[in-house]
Amino acid sequence: MLNLIKMLFMAVFELLPDDPFRQVIDGIVYDVDFLPTLNWFVPFDICSTMLLGWLDCMVAYYVFIVVKKIVLDYVVSLAKSVTGALAGGVTTAGK
């Protein structure tokens, strides 16, 4: 069964062209004289620094959320086990 799926994928991949973007890339004229002017309007170095800083903050936030959830789940389960053990002997106080 695995060999049949592998042969099916190989047949589909053989139908696809080798590089569909090669004609587009070859048609582009590599004139990079406009890059300093473009960088003056859109400062890519500052944008990349800001993007990396934002990415660092987002990663730190998601790590904090995951750690917070793990710690709170542990504390809640610990509190439930402690209160369950304490309340276990007090349930028949009226008899």
PDB file of N, CA and C in Angstrom:
ATOM      1  N   MET A   1       0.829  -1.192   0.000  1.00  0.00           N
ATOM      2  CA  MET A   1       0.000   0.000   0.000  1.00  0.00           C
ATOM      3  C   MET A   1       0.876   1.260   0.000  1.00  0.00           C
ATOM      4  N   LEU A   2       1.939   1.208   0.815  1.00  0.00           N
ATOM      5  CA  LEU A   2       2.837   2.356   0.884  1.00  0.00           C
ATOM      6  C   LEU A   2       3.561   2.576  -0.447  1.00  0.00           C
ATOM      7  N   ASN A   3       3.943   1.496  -1.090  1.00  0.00           N
ATOM      8  CA  ASN A   3       4.600   1.615  -2.397  1.00  0.00           C
ATOM      9  C   ASN A   3       3.653   2.178  -3.446  1.00  0.00           C
ATOM     10  N   LEU A   4       2.363   1.828  -3.353  1.00  0.00           N
ATOM     11  CA  LEU A   4       1.382   2.350  -4.300  1.00  0.00           C
ATOM     12  C   LEU A   4       1.225   3.860  -4.127  1.00  0.00           C
ATOM     13  N   ILE A   5       1.161   4.325  -2.886  1.00  0.00           N
ATOM     14  CA  ILE A   5       1.055   5.766  -2.625  1.00  0.00           C
ATOM     15  C   ILE A   5       2.317   6.474  -3.104  1.00  0.00           C
ATOM     16  N   LYS A   6       3.472   5.875  -2.858  1.00  0.00           N
ATOM     17  CA  LYS A   6       4.733   6.464  -3.306  1.00  0.00           C
ATOM     18  C   LYS A   6       4.775   6.572  -4.823  1.00  0.00           C
ATOM     19  N   MET A   7       4.336   5.526  -5.514  1.00  0.00           N
ATOM     20  CA  MET A   7       4.320   5.560  -6.992  1.00  0.00           C
ATOM     21  C   MET A   7       3.336   6.599  -7.504  1.00  0.00           C
ATOM     22  N   LEU A   8       2.198   6.771  -6.811  1.00  0.00           N
ATOM     23  CA  LEU A   8       1.211   7.777  -7.223  1.00  0.00           C
ATOM     24  C   LEU A   8       1.792   9.186  -7.076  1.00  0.00           C
ATOM     25  N   PHE A   9       2.461   9.463  -5.951  1.00  0.00           N
ATOM     26  CA  PHE A   9       3.086  10.773  -5.764  1.00  0.00           C
ATOM     27  C   PHE A   9       4.189  11.024  -6.783  1.00  0.00           C
ATOM     28  N   MET A  10       4.975  10.022  -7.080  1.00  0.00           N
ATOM     29  CA  MET A  10       6.044  10.183  -8.079  1.00  0.00           C
ATOM     30  C   MET A  10       5.454  10.481  -9.451  1.00  0.00           C
ATOM     31  N   ALA A  11       4.345   9.846  -9.813  1.00  0.00           N
ATOM     32  CA  ALA A  11       3.701  10.104 -11.100  1.00  0.00           C
ATOM     33  C   ALA A  11       3.173  11.533 -11.165  1.00  0.00           C
ATOM     34  N   VAL A  12       2.596  12.014 -10.058  1.00  0.00           N
ATOM     35  CA  VAL A  12       2.088  13.389 -10.035  1.00  0.00           C
ATOM     36  C   VAL A  12       3.236  14.383 -10.129  1.00  0.00           C
ATOM     37  N   PHE A  13       4.330  14.137  -9.416  1.00  0.00           N
ATOM     38  CA  PHE A  13       5.476  15.045  -9.458  1.00  0.00           C
ATOM     39  C   PHE A  13       6.147  15.058 -10.825  1.00  0.00           C
ATOM     40  N   GLU A  14       6.099  13.970 -11.559  1.00  0.00           N
ATOM     41  CA  GLU A  14       6.685  13.947 -12.900  1.00  0.00           C
ATOM     42  C   GLU A  14       5.870  14.774 -13.877  1.00  0.00           C
ATOM     43  N   LEU A  15       4.587  14.976 -13.610  1.00  0.00           N
ATOM     44  CA  LEU A  15       3.752  15.796 -14.479  1.00  0.00           C
ATOM     45  C   LEU A  15       4.029  17.288 -14.304  1.00  0.00           C
ATOM     46  N   LEU A  16       4.499  17.667 -13.129  1.00  0.00           N
ATOM     47  CA  LEU A  16       4.748  19.082 -12.848  1.00  0.00           C
ATOM     48  C   LEU A  16       6.030  19.546 -13.525  1.00  0.00           C
ATOM     49  N   PRO A  17       6.094  20.832 -13.898  1.00  0.00           N
ATOM     50  CA  PRO A  17       7.329  21.341 -14.501  1.00  0.00           C
ATOM     51  C   PRO A  17       8.446  21.422 -13.460  1.00  0.00           C
ATOM     52  N   ASP A  18       9.680  21.453 -13.957  1.00  0.00           N
ATOM     53  CA  ASP A  18      10.833  21.501 -13.052  1.00  0.00           C
ATOM     54  C   ASP A  18      10.872  22.790 -12.242  1.00  0.00           C
ATOM     55  N   ASP A  19      10.745  23.926 -12.900  1.00  0.00           N
ATOM     56  CA  ASP A  19      10.782  25.207 -12.227  1.00  0.00           C
ATOM     57  C   ASP A  19       9.788  26.142 -12.896  1.00  0.00           C
ATOM     58  N   PRO A  20       8.607  26.338 -12.319  1.00  0.00           N
ATOM     59  CA  PRO A  20       7.589  27.154 -12.983  1.00  0.00           C
ATOM     60  C   PRO A  20       7.927  28.646 -13.009  1.00  0.00           C
ATOM     61  N   PHE A  21       8.861  29.100 -12.189  1.00  0.00           N
ATOM     62  CA  PHE A  21       9.178  30.521 -12.119  1.00  0.00           C
ATOM     63  C   PHE A  21      10.432  30.885 -12.903  1.00  0.00           C
ATOM     64  N   ARG A  22      11.061  29.947 -13.541  1.00  0.00           N
ATOM     65  CA  ARG A  22      12.312  30.215 -14.242  1.00  0.00           C
ATOM     66  C   ARG A  22      12.107  31.245 -15.360  1.00  0.00           C
ATOM     67  N   GLN A  23      11.018  31.153 -16.109  1.00  0.00           N
ATOM     68  CA  GLN A  23      10.778  32.105 -17.204  1.00  0.00           C
ATOM     69  C   GLN A  23      10.569  33.513 -16.657  1.00  0.00           C
ATOM     70  N   VAL A  24       9.886  33.629 -15.542  1.00  0.00           N
ATOM     71  CA  VAL A  24       9.648  34.945 -14.952  1.00  0.00           C
ATOM     72  C   VAL A  24      10.954  35.541 -14.442  1.00  0.00           C
ATOM     73  N   ILE A  25      11.762  34.725 -13.784  1.00  0.00           N
ATOM     74  CA  ILE A  25      13.028  35.214 -13.240  1.00  0.00           C
ATOM     75  C   ILE A  25      13.983  35.613 -14.358  1.00  0.00           C
ATOM     76  N   ASP A  26      14.000  34.845 -15.434  1.00  0.00           N
ATOM     77  CA  ASP A  26      14.871  35.193 -16.547  1.00  0.00           C
ATOM     78  C   ASP A  26      14.424  36.477 -17.239  1.00  0.00           C
ATOM     79  N   GLY A  27      13.132  36.786 -17.181  1.00  0.00           N
ATOM     80  CA  GLY A  27      12.615  37.984 -17.828  1.00  0.00           C
ATOM     81  C   GLY A  27      12.865  39.266 -17.054  1.00  0.00           C
ATOM     82  N   ILE A  28      13.200  39.160 -15.786  1.00  0.00           N
ATOM     83  CA  ILE A  28      13.447  40.340 -14.967  1.00  0.00           C
ATOM     84  C   ILE A  28      14.828  40.904 -15.292  1.00  0.00           C
ATOM     85  N   VAL A  29      14.881  42.196 -15.501  1.00  0.00           N
ATOM     86  CA  VAL A  29      16.163  42.860 -15.733  1.00  0.00           C
ATOM     87  C   VAL A  29      16.754  43.189 -14.357  1.00  0.00           C
ATOM     88  N   TYR A  30      17.967  42.755 -14.140  1.00  0.00           N
ATOM     89  CA  TYR A  30      18.608  42.963 -12.851  1.00  0.00           C
ATOM     90  C   TYR A  30      19.266  44.335 -12.803  1.00  0.00           C
ATOM     91  N   ASP A  31      18.445  45.354 -12.641  1.00  0.00           N
ATOM     92  CA  ASP A  31      18.920  46.719 -12.516  1.00  0.00           C
ATOM     93  C   ASP A  31      18.706  47.136 -11.062  1.00  0.00           C
ATOM     94  N   VAL A  32      19.772  47.231 -10.303  1.00  0.00           N
ATOM     95  CA  VAL A  32      19.655  47.516  -8.884  1.00  0.00           C
ATOM     96  C   VAL A  32      20.031  48.956  -8.557  1.00  0.00           C
ATOM     97  N   ASP A  33      20.005  49.824  -9.525  1.00  0.00           N
ATOM     98  CA  ASP A  33      20.350  51.224  -9.271  1.00  0.00           C
ATOM     99  C   ASP A  33      19.265  51.940  -8.466  1.00  0.00           C
ATOM    100  N   PHE A  34      18.066  51.388  -8.447  1.00  0.00           N
ATOM    101  CA  PHE A  34      16.970  52.040  -7.738  1.00  0.00           C
ATOM    102  C   PHE A  34      16.939  51.694  -6.246  1.00  0.00           C
ATOM    103  N   LEU A  35      17.722  50.729  -5.802  1.00  0.00           N
ATOM    104  CA  LEU A  35      17.651  50.289  -4.412  1.00  0.00           C
ATOM    105  C   LEU A  35      18.038  51.364  -3.392  1.00  0.00           C
ATOM    106  N   PRO A  36      19.083  52.177  -3.612  1.00  0.00           N
ATOM    107  CA  PRO A  36      19.350  53.238  -2.623  1.00  0.00           C
ATOM    108  C   PRO A  36      18.211  54.245  -2.512  1.00  0.00           C
ATOM    109  N   THR A  37      17.574  54.560  -3.625  1.00  0.00           N
ATOM    110  CA  THR A  37      16.447  55.482  -3.586  1.00  0.00           C
ATOM    111  C   THR A  37      15.270  54.864  -2.848  1.00  0.00           C
ATOM    112  N   LEU A  38      15.007  53.587  -3.122  1.00  0.00           N
ATOM    113  CA  LEU A  38      13.925  52.886  -2.433  1.00  0.00           C
ATOM    114  C   LEU A  38      14.217  52.771  -0.936  1.00  0.00           C
ATOM    115  N   ASN A  39      15.452  52.536  -0.575  1.00  0.00           N
ATOM    116  CA  ASN A  39      15.828  52.433   0.829  1.00  0.00           C
ATOM    117  C   ASN A  39      15.702  53.778   1.540  1.00  0.00           C
ATOM    118  N   TRP A  40      15.801  54.870   0.807  1.00  0.00           N
ATOM    119  CA  TRP A  40      15.616  56.185   1.415  1.00  0.00           C
ATOM    120  C   TRP A  40      14.154  56.375   1.796  1.00  0.00           C
ATOM    121  N   PHE A  41      13.212  55.904   0.970  1.00  0.00           N
ATOM    122  CA  PHE A  41      11.780  56.024   1.263  1.00  0.00           C
ATOM    123  C   PHE A  41      11.319  54.974   2.275  1.00  0.00           C
ATOM    124  N   VAL A  42      11.802  53.756   2.139  1.00  0.00           N
ATOM    125  CA  VAL A  42      11.435  52.657   3.036  1.00  0.00           C
ATOM    126  C   VAL A  42      12.727  52.105   3.637  1.00  0.00           C
ATOM    127  N   PRO A  43      13.081  52.528   4.835  1.00  0.00           N
ATOM    128  CA  PRO A  43      14.344  52.078   5.430  1.00  0.00           C
ATOM    129  C   PRO A  43      14.253  50.614   5.880  1.00  0.00           C
ATOM    130  N   PHE A  44      14.734  49.729   5.029  1.00  0.00           N
ATOM    131  CA  PHE A  44      14.597  48.301   5.288  1.00  0.00           C
ATOM    132  C   PHE A  44      15.396  47.843   6.509  1.00  0.00           C
ATOM    133  N   ASP A  45      16.519  48.503   6.788  1.00  0.00           N
ATOM    134  CA  ASP A  45      17.298  48.096   7.956  1.00  0.00           C
ATOM    135  C   ASP A  45      16.539  48.376   9.250  1.00  0.00           C
ATOM    136  N   ILE A  46      15.877  49.526   9.320  1.00  0.00           N
ATOM    137  CA  ILE A  46      15.082  49.854  10.504  1.00  0.00           C
ATOM    138  C   ILE A  46      13.858  48.947  10.588  1.00  0.00           C
ATOM    139  N   CYS A  47      13.228  48.688   9.439  1.00  0.00           N
ATOM    140  CA  CYS A  47      12.058  47.806   9.424  1.00  0.00           C
ATOM    141  C   CYS A  47      12.427  46.390   9.866  1.00  0.00           C
ATOM    142  N   SER A  48      13.568  45.901   9.431  1.00  0.00           N
ATOM    143  CA  SER A  48      13.967  44.547   9.835  1.00  0.00           C
ATOM    144  C   SER A  48      14.286  44.499  11.320  1.00  0.00           C
ATOM    145  N   THR A  49      14.898  45.548  11.862  1.00  0.00           N
ATOM    146  CA  THR A  49      15.182  45.593  13.296  1.00  0.00           C
ATOM    147  C   THR A  49      13.888  45.618  14.098  1.00  0.00           C
ATOM    148  N   MET A  50      12.926  46.414  13.652  1.00  0.00           N
ATOM    149  CA  MET A  50      11.639  46.480  14.345  1.00  0.00           C
ATOM    150  C   MET A  50      10.890  45.151  14.244  1.00  0.00           C
ATOM    151  N   LEU A  51      10.953  44.516  13.096  1.00  0.00           N
ATOM    152  CA  LEU A  51      10.284  43.225  12.908  1.00  0.00           C
ATOM    153  C   LEU A  51      10.886  42.159  13.815  1.00  0.00           C
ATOM    154  N   LEU A  52      12.209  42.143  13.942  1.00  0.00           N
ATOM    155  CA  LEU A  52      12.852  41.177  14.824  1.00  0.00           C
ATOM    156  C   LEU A  52      12.527  41.455  16.295  1.00  0.00           C
ATOM    157  N   GLY A  53      12.455  42.724  16.669  1.00  0.00           N
ATOM    158  CA  GLY A  53      12.069  43.067  18.037  1.00  0.00           C
ATOM    159  C   GLY A  53      10.641  42.640  18.339  1.00  0.00           C
ATOM    160  N   TRP A  54       9.739  42.874  17.395  1.00  0.00           N
ATOM    161  CA  TRP A  54       8.346  42.458  17.551  1.00  0.00           C
ATOM    162  C   TRP A  54       8.256  40.942  17.656  1.00  0.00           C
ATOM    163  N   LEU A  55       9.017  40.236  16.833  1.00  0.00           N
ATOM    164  CA  LEU A  55       9.018  38.781  16.859  1.00  0.00           C
ATOM    165  C   LEU A  55       9.533  38.266  18.206  1.00  0.00           C
ATOM    166  N   ASP A  56      10.573  38.892  18.742  1.00  0.00           N
ATOM    167  CA  ASP A  56      11.075  38.517  20.060  1.00  0.00           C
ATOM    168  C   ASP A  56      10.007  38.699  21.129  1.00  0.00           C
ATOM    169  N   CYS A  57       9.290  39.810  21.065  1.00  0.00           N
ATOM    170  CA  CYS A  57       8.233  40.063  22.052  1.00  0.00           C
ATOM    171  C   CYS A  57       7.110  39.041  21.926  1.00  0.00           C
ATOM    172  N   MET A  58       6.723  38.689  20.725  1.00  0.00           N
ATOM    173  CA  MET A  58       5.652  37.717  20.526  1.00  0.00           C
ATOM    174  C   MET A  58       6.065  36.335  21.024  1.00  0.00           C
ATOM    175  N   VAL A  59       7.291  35.940  20.764  1.00  0.00           N
ATOM    176  CA  VAL A  59       7.780  34.642  21.252  1.00  0.00           C
ATOM    177  C   VAL A  59       7.816  34.641  22.775  1.00  0.00           C
ATOM    178  N   ALA A  60       8.289  35.712  23.374  1.00  0.00           N
ATOM    179  CA  ALA A  60       8.328  35.796  24.836  1.00  0.00           C
ATOM    180  C   ALA A  60       6.917  35.745  25.418  1.00  0.00           C
ATOM    181  N   TYR A  61       5.967  36.411  24.783  1.00  0.00           N
ATOM    182  CA  TYR A  61       4.579  36.400  25.246  1.00  0.00           C
ATOM    183  C   TYR A  61       3.997  34.993  25.197  1.00  0.00           C
ATOM    184  N   TYR A  62       4.187  34.290  24.092  1.00  0.00           N
ATOM    185  CA  TYR A  62       3.623  32.950  23.972  1.00  0.00           C
ATOM    186  C   TYR A  62       4.312  31.960  24.914  1.00  0.00           C
ATOM    187  N   VAL A  63       5.593  32.111  25.128  1.00  0.00           N
ATOM    188  CA  VAL A  63       6.287  31.260  26.105  1.00  0.00           C
ATOM    189  C   VAL A  63       5.745  31.545  27.501  1.00  0.00           C
ATOM    190  N   PHE A  64       5.523  32.806  27.828  1.00  0.00           N
ATOM    191  CA  PHE A  64       4.955  33.175  29.124  1.00  0.00           C
ATOM    192  C   PHE A  64       3.568  32.570  29.302  1.00  0.00           C
ATOM    193  N   ILE A  65       2.740  32.630  28.270  1.00  0.00           N
ATOM    194  CA  ILE A  65       1.384  32.084  28.353  1.00  0.00           C
ATOM    195  C   ILE A  65       1.426  30.580  28.591  1.00  0.00           C
ATOM    196  N   VAL A  66       2.290  29.874  27.895  1.00  0.00           N
ATOM    197  CA  VAL A  66       2.385  28.421  28.050  1.00  0.00           C
ATOM    198  C   VAL A  66       2.887  28.063  29.448  1.00  0.00           C
ATOM    199  N   VAL A  67       3.925  28.752  29.921  1.00  0.00           N
ATOM    200  CA  VAL A  67       4.467  28.482  31.257  1.00  0.00           C
ATOM    201  C   VAL A  67       3.425  28.812  32.316  1.00  0.00           C
ATOM    202  N   LYS A  68       2.707  29.912  32.144  1.00  0.00           N
ATOM    203  CA  LYS A  68       1.670  30.302  33.090  1.00  0.00           C
ATOM    204  C   LYS A  68       0.571  29.245  33.163  1.00  0.00           C
ATOM    205  N   LYS A  69       0.168  28.713  32.017  1.00  0.00           N
ATOM    206  CA  LYS A  69      -0.867  27.682  31.989  1.00  0.00           C
ATOM    207  C   LYS A  69      -0.388  26.413  32.682  1.00  0.00           C
ATOM    208  N   ILE A  70       0.849  26.016  32.434  1.00  0.00           N
ATOM    209  CA  ILE A  70       1.390  24.812  33.069  1.00  0.00           C
ATOM    210  C   ILE A  70       1.454  24.990  34.577  1.00  0.00           C
ATOM    211  N   VAL A  71       1.934  26.133  35.033  1.00  0.00           N
ATOM    212  CA  VAL A  71       2.060  26.388  36.472  1.00  0.00           C
ATOM    213  C   VAL A  71       0.686  26.463  37.126  1.00  0.00           C
ATOM    214  N   LEU A  72      -0.254  27.171  36.512  1.00  0.00           N
ATOM    215  CA  LEU A  72      -1.591  27.285  37.104  1.00  0.00           C
ATOM    216  C   LEU A  72      -2.309  25.943  37.124  1.00  0.00           C
ATOM    217  N   ASP A  73      -2.174  25.137  36.090  1.00  0.00           N
ATOM    218  CA  ASP A  73      -2.780  23.809  36.100  1.00  0.00           C
ATOM    219  C   ASP A  73      -2.202  22.957  37.227  1.00  0.00           C
ATOM    220  N   TYR A  74      -0.893  23.046  37.424  1.00  0.00           N
ATOM    221  CA  TYR A  74      -0.254  22.299  38.505  1.00  0.00           C
ATOM    222  C   TYR A  74      -0.737  22.787  39.874  1.00  0.00           C
ATOM    223  N   VAL A  75      -0.818  24.104  40.062  1.00  0.00           N
ATOM    224  CA  VAL A  75      -1.243  24.664  41.343  1.00  0.00           C
ATOM    225  C   VAL A  75      -2.700  24.312  41.621  1.00  0.00           C
ATOM    226  N   VAL A  76      -3.551  24.394  40.617  1.00  0.00           N
ATOM    227  CA  VAL A  76      -4.965  24.075  40.809  1.00  0.00           C
ATOM    228  C   VAL A  76      -5.138  22.597  41.142  1.00  0.00           C
ATOM    229  N   SER A  77      -4.427  21.722  40.438  1.00  0.00           N
ATOM    230  CA  SER A  77      -4.542  20.295  40.744  1.00  0.00           C
ATOM    231  C   SER A  77      -4.001  19.992  42.140  1.00  0.00           C
ATOM    232  N   LEU A  78      -2.943  20.666  42.535  1.00  0.00           N
ATOM    233  CA  LEU A  78      -2.392  20.484  43.880  1.00  0.00           C
ATOM    234  C   LEU A  78      -3.375  20.982  44.933  1.00  0.00           C
ATOM    235  N   ALA A  79      -4.007  22.122  44.674  1.00  0.00           N
ATOM    236  CA  ALA A  79      -4.982  22.667  45.619  1.00  0.00           C
ATOM    237  C   ALA A  79      -6.200  21.763  45.727  1.00  0.00           C
ATOM    238  N   LYS A  80      -6.648  21.189  44.629  1.00  0.00           N
ATOM    239  CA  LYS A  80      -7.789  20.278  44.666  1.00  0.00           C
ATOM    240  C   LYS A  80      -7.466  19.021  45.458  1.00  0.00           C
ATOM    241  N   SER A  81      -6.246  18.524  45.286  1.00  0.00           N
ATOM    242  CA  SER A  81      -5.891  17.317  46.036  1.00  0.00           C
ATOM    243  C   SER A  81      -5.757  17.611  47.524  1.00  0.00           C
ATOM    244  N   VAL A  82      -5.253  18.781  47.886  1.00  0.00           N
ATOM    245  CA  VAL A  82      -5.112  19.140  49.300  1.00  0.00           C
ATOM    246  C   VAL A  82      -6.482  19.371  49.917  1.00  0.00           C
ATOM    247  N   THR A  83      -7.359  20.120  49.252  1.00  0.00           N
ATOM    248  CA  THR A  83      -8.687  20.385  49.806  1.00  0.00           C
ATOM    249  C   THR A  83      -9.522  19.121  49.813  1.00  0.00           C
ATOM    250  N   GLY A  84      -9.326  18.243  48.855  1.00  0.00           N
ATOM    251  CA  GLY A  84     -10.044  16.965  48.872  1.00  0.00           C
ATOM    252  C   GLY A  84      -9.611  16.102  50.033  1.00  0.00           C
ATOM    253  N   ALA A  85      -8.335  16.103  50.341  1.00  0.00           N
ATOM    254  CA  ALA A  85      -7.820  15.313  51.471  1.00  0.00           C
ATOM    255  C   ALA A  85      -8.292  15.908  52.791  1.00  0.00           C
ATOM    256  N   LEU A  86      -8.375  17.224  52.893  1.00  0.00           N
ATOM    257  CA  LEU A  86      -8.828  17.858  54.123  1.00  0.00           C
ATOM    258  C   LEU A  86     -10.323  17.681  54.334  1.00  0.00           C
ATOM    259  N   ALA A  87     -11.097  17.760  53.277  1.00  0.00           N
ATOM    260  CA  ALA A  87     -12.549  17.664  53.390  1.00  0.00           C
ATOM    261  C   ALA A  87     -13.016  16.222  53.434  1.00  0.00           C
ATOM    262  N   GLY A  88     -12.150  15.279  53.158  1.00  0.00           N
ATOM    263  CA  GLY A  88     -12.558  13.883  53.134  1.00  0.00           C
ATOM    264  C   GLY A  88     -12.997  13.366  54.473  1.00  0.00           C
ATOM    265  N   GLY A  89     -12.404  13.784  55.563  1.00  0.00           N
ATOM    266  CA  GLY A  89     -12.785  13.292  56.884  1.00  0.00           C
ATOM    267  C   GLY A  89     -13.876  14.083  57.524  1.00  0.00           C
ATOM    268  N   VAL A  90     -14.309  15.201  56.960  1.00  0.00           N
ATOM    269  CA  VAL A  90     -15.282  16.080  57.585  1.00  0.00           C
ATOM    270  C   VAL A  90     -16.666  15.913  56.973  1.00  0.00           C
ATOM    271  N   THR A  91     -16.831  15.047  56.004  1.00  0.00           N
ATOM    272  CA  THR A  91     -18.105  14.939  55.301  1.00  0.00           C
ATOM    273  C   THR A  91     -19.218  14.369  56.174  1.00  0.00           C
ATOM    274  N   THR A  92     -18.929  13.591  57.187  1.00  0.00           N
ATOM    275  CA  THR A  92     -19.965  12.976  58.049  1.00  0.00           C
ATOM    276  C   THR A  92     -19.992  13.641  59.417  1.00  0.00           C
ATOM    277  N   ALA A  93     -19.996  14.958  59.485  1.00  0.00           N
ATOM    278  CA  ALA A  93     -19.942  15.669  60.765  1.00  0.00           C
ATOM    279  C   ALA A  93     -21.265  15.573  61.524  1.00  0.00           C
ATOM    280  N   GLY A  94     -22.408  15.457  60.833  1.00  0.00           N
ATOM    281  CA  GLY A  94     -23.707  15.439  61.508  1.00  0.00           C
ATOM    282  C   GLY A  94     -24.034  14.090  62.108  1.00  0.00           C
ATOM    283  N   LYS A  95     -23.457  13.001  61.732  1.00  0.00           N
ATOM    284  CA  LYS A  95     -23.848  11.678  62.238  1.00  0.00           C
ATOM    285  C   LYS A  95     -23.057  11.312  63.401  1.00  0.00           C
TER     286      LYS A  95
END
